[in-house]
Amino acid sequence: MLQLLVTLAPPSSAELAPWFERRFQTERGLLEAILARTELSLRSRSIRLTVAILPGREVYANPDSGLASFQRQAARRVAASAGRRNIATVDLTPTMRAEDFPVDGHLNEPGHCRVAGALSRALGYPPPECTANGGPAVAD
């Protein structure tokens, strides 16, 4: 019955936030530690860390679902954790589409190409060339 209610009326971000904080307190601490350690290690070698926010298929296929709401909340938490450390983030949500996840939640070739292009641009590089079916163009 609870599943049916959540499906019919998914919780808002405001309703989800306190639960999210309690449920993922350990994981959030782990994320903070990983970001701190990675950023420190890279900074000592003059390398800038950028965190990519890659949304799940549910955000596009069923944007009003409880799972999509959960994924958006998780993405906001990751971005906030990175932001507290002045770590740049790239949100790939606007770049991707439902068709990029045709079957099992994994990206197809056009999806990979869109992600590669967005990441390349965010890092200051030209986007890769892709074939007609969306895959990377490979030089012979």
N, C-alpha and C. Protein backbone atom coordinates (compact mmCIF):
# COMPACT_ATOMS: atom_id res chain seq x y z
N MET A 1 0.81 -1.18 0.00
CA MET A 1 0.00 0.00 0.00
C MET A 1 0.86 1.25 0.00
N LEU A 2 1.94 1.25 0.81
CA LEU A 2 2.83 2.40 0.85
C LEU A 2 3.45 2.63 -0.52
N GLN A 3 3.87 1.56 -1.20
CA GLN A 3 4.45 1.69 -2.53
C GLN A 3 3.46 2.35 -3.48
N LEU A 4 2.21 1.98 -3.40
CA LEU A 4 1.18 2.57 -4.25
C LEU A 4 1.04 4.06 -3.96
N LEU A 5 1.05 4.45 -2.70
CA LEU A 5 0.95 5.86 -2.35
C LEU A 5 2.15 6.65 -2.85
N VAL A 6 3.33 6.10 -2.70
CA VAL A 6 4.54 6.77 -3.18
C VAL A 6 4.50 6.89 -4.70
N THR A 7 4.00 5.87 -5.38
CA THR A 7 3.90 5.91 -6.83
C THR A 7 2.89 6.96 -7.27
N LEU A 8 1.76 7.03 -6.60
CA LEU A 8 0.72 7.99 -6.97
C LEU A 8 1.08 9.42 -6.58
N ALA A 9 1.74 9.59 -5.46
CA ALA A 9 2.09 10.93 -4.98
C ALA A 9 3.50 10.89 -4.41
N PRO A 10 4.51 10.98 -5.29
CA PRO A 10 5.88 10.91 -4.79
C PRO A 10 6.17 12.08 -3.86
N PRO A 11 7.05 11.87 -2.91
CA PRO A 11 7.36 12.94 -1.96
C PRO A 11 8.06 14.10 -2.65
N SER A 12 7.81 15.30 -2.14
CA SER A 12 8.50 16.48 -2.66
C SER A 12 9.93 16.47 -2.12
N SER A 13 10.77 17.31 -2.69
CA SER A 13 12.15 17.40 -2.21
C SER A 13 12.19 17.81 -0.75
N ALA A 14 11.30 18.73 -0.36
CA ALA A 14 11.27 19.18 1.03
C ALA A 14 10.89 18.03 1.97
N GLU A 15 9.98 17.18 1.54
CA GLU A 15 9.57 16.04 2.36
C GLU A 15 10.65 14.96 2.39
N LEU A 16 11.39 14.85 1.32
CA LEU A 16 12.41 13.81 1.20
C LEU A 16 13.70 14.17 1.94
N ALA A 17 14.00 15.46 2.07
CA ALA A 17 15.28 15.90 2.61
C ALA A 17 15.59 15.34 4.01
N PRO A 18 14.68 15.44 4.99
CA PRO A 18 15.03 14.91 6.32
C PRO A 18 15.27 13.40 6.32
N TRP A 19 14.45 12.68 5.58
CA TRP A 19 14.64 11.23 5.48
C TRP A 19 15.99 10.92 4.84
N PHE A 20 16.28 11.65 3.76
CA PHE A 20 17.52 11.45 3.03
C PHE A 20 18.72 11.66 3.95
N GLU A 21 18.67 12.74 4.74
CA GLU A 21 19.77 13.04 5.67
C GLU A 21 19.99 11.90 6.66
N ARG A 22 18.92 11.40 7.24
CA ARG A 22 19.04 10.31 8.22
C ARG A 22 19.52 9.03 7.56
N ARG A 23 18.90 8.67 6.45
CA ARG A 23 19.17 7.39 5.80
C ARG A 23 20.60 7.30 5.27
N PHE A 24 21.11 8.41 4.75
CA PHE A 24 22.41 8.37 4.07
C PHE A 24 23.50 9.13 4.80
N GLN A 25 23.39 9.23 6.11
CA GLN A 25 24.38 9.94 6.90
C GLN A 25 25.77 9.31 6.74
N THR A 26 25.85 7.99 6.83
CA THR A 26 27.14 7.30 6.70
C THR A 26 27.71 7.50 5.30
N GLU A 27 26.87 7.34 4.28
CA GLU A 27 27.33 7.48 2.90
C GLU A 27 27.78 8.92 2.62
N ARG A 28 27.07 9.89 3.21
CA ARG A 28 27.46 11.28 3.00
C ARG A 28 28.83 11.54 3.61
N GLY A 29 29.08 10.98 4.80
CA GLY A 29 30.39 11.12 5.41
C GLY A 29 31.48 10.49 4.56
N LEU A 30 31.16 9.34 3.97
CA LEU A 30 32.11 8.67 3.09
C LEU A 30 32.38 9.52 1.84
N LEU A 31 31.31 10.09 1.26
CA LEU A 31 31.48 10.96 0.09
C LEU A 31 32.36 12.15 0.44
N GLU A 32 32.11 12.77 1.59
CA GLU A 32 32.92 13.92 2.02
C GLU A 32 34.39 13.53 2.15
N ALA A 33 34.64 12.37 2.73
CA ALA A 33 36.02 11.91 2.92
C ALA A 33 36.69 11.62 1.58
N ILE A 34 35.95 10.99 0.67
CA ILE A 34 36.51 10.68 -0.65
C ILE A 34 36.83 11.97 -1.40
N LEU A 35 35.90 12.93 -1.38
CA LEU A 35 36.15 14.20 -2.07
C LEU A 35 37.36 14.91 -1.47
N ALA A 36 37.44 14.96 -0.15
CA ALA A 36 38.55 15.64 0.50
C ALA A 36 39.89 15.01 0.15
N ARG A 37 39.94 13.70 0.25
CA ARG A 37 41.20 13.00 -0.02
C ARG A 37 41.61 13.10 -1.49
N THR A 38 40.63 12.92 -2.38
CA THR A 38 40.93 13.00 -3.81
C THR A 38 41.37 14.40 -4.20
N GLU A 39 40.63 15.40 -3.72
CA GLU A 39 40.95 16.79 -4.06
C GLU A 39 42.34 17.16 -3.54
N LEU A 40 42.66 16.77 -2.33
CA LEU A 40 43.98 17.06 -1.75
C LEU A 40 45.09 16.39 -2.56
N SER A 41 44.89 15.14 -2.92
CA SER A 41 45.89 14.41 -3.69
C SER A 41 46.11 15.05 -5.06
N LEU A 42 45.01 15.42 -5.71
CA LEU A 42 45.14 16.02 -7.04
C LEU A 42 45.72 17.43 -6.96
N ARG A 43 45.29 18.21 -5.97
CA ARG A 43 45.80 19.58 -5.83
C ARG A 43 47.31 19.57 -5.63
N SER A 44 47.82 18.59 -4.90
CA SER A 44 49.27 18.52 -4.66
C SER A 44 50.03 18.29 -5.97
N ARG A 45 49.32 17.84 -6.99
CA ARG A 45 49.93 17.64 -8.31
C ARG A 45 49.41 18.65 -9.33
N SER A 46 48.77 19.72 -8.83
CA SER A 46 48.23 20.81 -9.67
C SER A 46 47.19 20.30 -10.67
N ILE A 47 46.38 19.35 -10.24
CA ILE A 47 45.30 18.82 -11.08
C ILE A 47 43.98 19.24 -10.45
N ARG A 48 43.09 19.79 -11.27
CA ARG A 48 41.79 20.25 -10.78
C ARG A 48 40.77 19.12 -10.88
N LEU A 49 40.04 18.86 -9.81
CA LEU A 49 39.01 17.84 -9.78
C LEU A 49 37.68 18.43 -10.24
N THR A 50 36.99 17.72 -11.11
CA THR A 50 35.63 18.07 -11.52
C THR A 50 34.76 16.83 -11.33
N VAL A 51 33.62 17.01 -10.68
CA VAL A 51 32.69 15.91 -10.43
C VAL A 51 31.54 16.00 -11.43
N ALA A 52 31.28 14.91 -12.13
CA ALA A 52 30.16 14.86 -13.08
C ALA A 52 28.93 14.28 -12.39
N ILE A 53 27.80 14.96 -12.56
CA ILE A 53 26.52 14.49 -12.04
C ILE A 53 25.79 13.82 -13.20
N LEU A 54 25.72 12.51 -13.16
CA LEU A 54 25.11 11.72 -14.23
C LEU A 54 23.77 11.18 -13.74
N PRO A 55 22.67 11.72 -14.24
CA PRO A 55 21.35 11.27 -13.76
C PRO A 55 21.03 9.87 -14.24
N GLY A 56 20.16 9.21 -13.51
CA GLY A 56 19.69 7.89 -13.91
C GLY A 56 18.55 7.98 -14.91
N ARG A 57 18.26 6.87 -15.53
CA ARG A 57 17.22 6.78 -16.55
C ARG A 57 15.86 7.26 -16.05
N GLU A 58 15.57 6.99 -14.79
CA GLU A 58 14.26 7.32 -14.22
C GLU A 58 13.96 8.82 -14.30
N VAL A 59 14.98 9.64 -14.23
CA VAL A 59 14.80 11.10 -14.30
C VAL A 59 14.14 11.50 -15.61
N TYR A 60 14.40 10.74 -16.67
CA TYR A 60 13.84 11.05 -17.99
C TYR A 60 12.61 10.22 -18.31
N ALA A 61 12.65 8.95 -17.97
CA ALA A 61 11.56 8.04 -18.32
C ALA A 61 10.32 8.29 -17.46
N ASN A 62 10.50 8.56 -16.18
CA ASN A 62 9.39 8.78 -15.24
C ASN A 62 9.74 9.92 -14.30
N PRO A 63 9.81 11.15 -14.82
CA PRO A 63 10.30 12.27 -14.01
C PRO A 63 9.50 12.58 -12.75
N ASP A 64 8.25 12.13 -12.69
CA ASP A 64 7.43 12.40 -11.50
C ASP A 64 7.45 11.27 -10.49
N SER A 65 8.24 10.25 -10.73
CA SER A 65 8.27 9.09 -9.83
C SER A 65 9.08 9.37 -8.57
N GLY A 66 8.85 8.55 -7.57
CA GLY A 66 9.62 8.65 -6.34
C GLY A 66 11.11 8.41 -6.56
N LEU A 67 11.43 7.46 -7.44
CA LEU A 67 12.84 7.17 -7.73
C LEU A 67 13.52 8.36 -8.41
N ALA A 68 12.82 9.02 -9.33
CA ALA A 68 13.39 10.21 -9.98
C ALA A 68 13.62 11.31 -8.95
N SER A 69 12.67 11.48 -8.05
CA SER A 69 12.81 12.49 -6.99
C SER A 69 14.02 12.16 -6.12
N PHE A 70 14.19 10.90 -5.78
CA PHE A 70 15.33 10.45 -5.00
C PHE A 70 16.64 10.73 -5.74
N GLN A 71 16.68 10.43 -7.04
CA GLN A 71 17.90 10.65 -7.82
C GLN A 71 18.26 12.14 -7.88
N ARG A 72 17.25 12.99 -8.05
CA ARG A 72 17.51 14.43 -8.08
C ARG A 72 18.03 14.91 -6.72
N GLN A 73 17.46 14.39 -5.65
CA GLN A 73 17.91 14.76 -4.30
C GLN A 73 19.37 14.31 -4.10
N ALA A 74 19.70 13.11 -4.52
CA ALA A 74 21.08 12.61 -4.40
C ALA A 74 22.04 13.49 -5.20
N ALA A 75 21.64 13.88 -6.40
CA ALA A 75 22.49 14.73 -7.24
C ALA A 75 22.73 16.08 -6.56
N ARG A 76 21.69 16.65 -5.96
CA ARG A 76 21.86 17.93 -5.25
C ARG A 76 22.82 17.78 -4.07
N ARG A 77 22.74 16.66 -3.38
CA ARG A 77 23.63 16.43 -2.23
C ARG A 77 25.08 16.28 -2.68
N VAL A 78 25.30 15.57 -3.76
CA VAL A 78 26.67 15.41 -4.28
C VAL A 78 27.22 16.77 -4.71
N ALA A 79 26.41 17.55 -5.43
CA ALA A 79 26.85 18.88 -5.88
C ALA A 79 27.14 19.78 -4.69
N ALA A 80 26.31 19.72 -3.65
CA ALA A 80 26.53 20.54 -2.46
C ALA A 80 27.83 20.14 -1.75
N SER A 81 28.07 18.84 -1.65
CA SER A 81 29.31 18.36 -1.02
C SER A 81 30.53 18.85 -1.79
N ALA A 82 30.46 18.76 -3.10
CA ALA A 82 31.57 19.24 -3.94
C ALA A 82 31.72 20.75 -3.79
N GLY A 83 30.60 21.46 -3.80
CA GLY A 83 30.63 22.92 -3.68
C GLY A 83 31.27 23.40 -2.39
N ARG A 84 31.04 22.70 -1.29
CA ARG A 84 31.64 23.08 -0.01
C ARG A 84 33.17 23.01 -0.07
N ARG A 85 33.68 22.25 -0.99
CA ARG A 85 35.13 22.11 -1.14
C ARG A 85 35.66 22.88 -2.36
N ASN A 86 34.81 23.69 -2.96
CA ASN A 86 35.16 24.43 -4.17
C ASN A 86 35.58 23.51 -5.31
N ILE A 87 34.95 22.35 -5.37
CA ILE A 87 35.18 21.40 -6.46
C ILE A 87 34.12 21.66 -7.52
N ALA A 88 34.54 21.83 -8.75
CA ALA A 88 33.61 22.09 -9.85
C ALA A 88 32.74 20.86 -10.11
N THR A 89 31.51 21.11 -10.54
CA THR A 89 30.62 20.03 -10.93
C THR A 89 30.08 20.29 -12.33
N VAL A 90 29.79 19.22 -13.03
CA VAL A 90 29.15 19.29 -14.34
C VAL A 90 27.87 18.48 -14.23
N ASP A 91 26.72 19.16 -14.35
CA ASP A 91 25.44 18.47 -14.29
C ASP A 91 25.06 18.06 -15.71
N LEU A 92 25.01 16.77 -15.95
CA LEU A 92 24.71 16.25 -17.29
C LEU A 92 23.21 16.08 -17.54
N THR A 93 22.38 16.45 -16.57
CA THR A 93 20.93 16.29 -16.73
C THR A 93 20.39 16.95 -17.99
N PRO A 94 20.73 18.22 -18.29
CA PRO A 94 20.17 18.85 -19.49
C PRO A 94 20.69 18.25 -20.80
N THR A 95 21.82 17.58 -20.73
CA THR A 95 22.46 17.03 -21.93
C THR A 95 21.81 15.74 -22.41
N MET A 96 21.32 14.96 -21.48
CA MET A 96 20.87 13.61 -21.79
C MET A 96 19.38 13.55 -22.08
N ARG A 97 18.95 12.42 -22.62
CA ARG A 97 17.56 12.19 -23.00
C ARG A 97 17.15 10.77 -22.63
N ALA A 98 15.85 10.54 -22.58
CA ALA A 98 15.34 9.20 -22.25
C ALA A 98 15.84 8.16 -23.24
N GLU A 99 15.96 8.55 -24.51
CA GLU A 99 16.40 7.58 -25.54
C GLU A 99 17.85 7.12 -25.34
N ASP A 100 18.60 7.85 -24.52
CA ASP A 100 19.99 7.47 -24.28
C ASP A 100 20.10 6.19 -23.45
N PHE A 101 19.00 5.79 -22.81
CA PHE A 101 18.96 4.61 -21.95
C PHE A 101 17.93 3.64 -22.53
N PRO A 102 18.19 2.98 -23.65
CA PRO A 102 17.14 2.25 -24.33
C PRO A 102 16.57 1.04 -23.60
N VAL A 103 17.38 0.31 -22.86
CA VAL A 103 16.88 -0.95 -22.32
C VAL A 103 17.14 -1.10 -20.83
N ASP A 104 18.37 -1.12 -20.45
CA ASP A 104 18.73 -1.55 -19.10
C ASP A 104 19.35 -0.47 -18.23
N GLY A 105 19.17 0.78 -18.59
CA GLY A 105 19.74 1.85 -17.79
C GLY A 105 21.16 2.23 -18.16
N HIS A 106 21.74 1.53 -19.14
CA HIS A 106 23.07 1.88 -19.60
C HIS A 106 22.96 2.77 -20.83
N LEU A 107 23.91 3.66 -20.97
CA LEU A 107 23.90 4.57 -22.12
C LEU A 107 24.15 3.82 -23.42
N ASN A 108 23.50 4.29 -24.48
CA ASN A 108 23.79 3.78 -25.82
C ASN A 108 24.84 4.70 -26.46
N GLU A 109 25.17 4.46 -27.73
CA GLU A 109 26.22 5.25 -28.38
C GLU A 109 25.90 6.74 -28.44
N PRO A 110 24.71 7.15 -28.87
CA PRO A 110 24.43 8.59 -28.87
C PRO A 110 24.51 9.20 -27.47
N GLY A 111 24.07 8.44 -26.48
CA GLY A 111 24.16 8.93 -25.10
C GLY A 111 25.60 9.14 -24.67
N HIS A 112 26.45 8.17 -24.98
CA HIS A 112 27.87 8.31 -24.65
C HIS A 112 28.47 9.52 -25.36
N CYS A 113 28.09 9.72 -26.60
CA CYS A 113 28.63 10.84 -27.36
C CYS A 113 28.18 12.17 -26.75
N ARG A 114 26.91 12.27 -26.35
CA ARG A 114 26.42 13.51 -25.72
C ARG A 114 27.16 13.77 -24.40
N VAL A 115 27.34 12.72 -23.61
CA VAL A 115 28.05 12.87 -22.34
C VAL A 115 29.50 13.29 -22.60
N ALA A 116 30.16 12.65 -23.54
CA ALA A 116 31.55 13.00 -23.86
C ALA A 116 31.65 14.45 -24.32
N GLY A 117 30.70 14.89 -25.14
CA GLY A 117 30.71 16.27 -25.61
C GLY A 117 30.52 17.26 -24.48
N ALA A 118 29.58 16.99 -23.59
CA ALA A 118 29.33 17.89 -22.46
C ALA A 118 30.53 17.95 -21.53
N LEU A 119 31.13 16.79 -21.25
CA LEU A 119 32.30 16.77 -20.38
C LEU A 119 33.48 17.48 -21.03
N SER A 120 33.69 17.24 -22.31
CA SER A 120 34.79 17.90 -23.02
C SER A 120 34.64 19.41 -22.95
N ARG A 121 33.44 19.91 -23.25
CA ARG A 121 33.21 21.36 -23.22
C ARG A 121 33.41 21.92 -21.80
N ALA A 122 32.91 21.21 -20.80
CA ALA A 122 33.04 21.68 -19.42
C ALA A 122 34.50 21.76 -18.99
N LEU A 123 35.33 20.88 -19.54
CA LEU A 123 36.75 20.87 -19.19
C LEU A 123 37.59 21.73 -20.11
N GLY A 124 36.93 22.39 -21.07
CA GLY A 124 37.63 23.30 -21.96
C GLY A 124 38.23 22.68 -23.20
N TYR A 125 37.74 21.52 -23.60
CA TYR A 125 38.24 20.84 -24.79
C TYR A 125 37.15 20.80 -25.85
N PRO A 126 37.53 20.65 -27.11
CA PRO A 126 36.50 20.52 -28.14
C PRO A 126 35.78 19.17 -28.00
N PRO A 127 34.49 19.14 -28.33
CA PRO A 127 33.76 17.87 -28.23
C PRO A 127 34.26 16.86 -29.25
N PRO A 128 34.13 15.58 -28.95
CA PRO A 128 34.59 14.55 -29.90
C PRO A 128 33.67 14.51 -31.12
N GLU A 129 34.22 14.03 -32.20
CA GLU A 129 33.39 13.80 -33.38
C GLU A 129 32.69 12.46 -33.21
N CYS A 130 31.43 12.42 -33.63
CA CYS A 130 30.67 11.18 -33.52
C CYS A 130 30.17 10.75 -34.88
N THR A 131 29.94 9.46 -35.04
CA THR A 131 29.42 8.92 -36.29
C THR A 131 27.92 9.19 -36.38
N ALA A 132 27.31 8.81 -37.47
CA ALA A 132 25.88 9.01 -37.69
C ALA A 132 25.04 8.31 -36.62
N ASN A 133 25.52 7.16 -36.13
CA ASN A 133 24.74 6.46 -35.10
C ASN A 133 25.10 6.92 -33.69
N GLY A 134 25.94 7.95 -33.59
CA GLY A 134 26.25 8.53 -32.29
C GLY A 134 27.52 8.06 -31.65
N GLY A 135 28.16 7.06 -32.22
CA GLY A 135 29.39 6.54 -31.64
C GLY A 135 30.58 7.43 -31.98
N PRO A 136 31.70 7.20 -31.34
CA PRO A 136 32.88 8.01 -31.62
C PRO A 136 33.43 7.74 -33.01
N ALA A 137 33.86 8.80 -33.66
CA ALA A 137 34.50 8.64 -34.97
C ALA A 137 35.93 8.18 -34.72
N VAL A 138 36.32 7.07 -35.30
CA VAL A 138 37.65 6.51 -35.08
C VAL A 138 38.45 6.67 -36.36
N ALA A 139 39.63 7.27 -36.22
CA ALA A 139 40.50 7.46 -37.38
C ALA A 139 41.12 6.12 -37.77
N ASP A 140 41.21 5.89 -39.08
CA ASP A 140 41.84 4.64 -39.56
C ASP A 140 43.34 4.75 -39.55
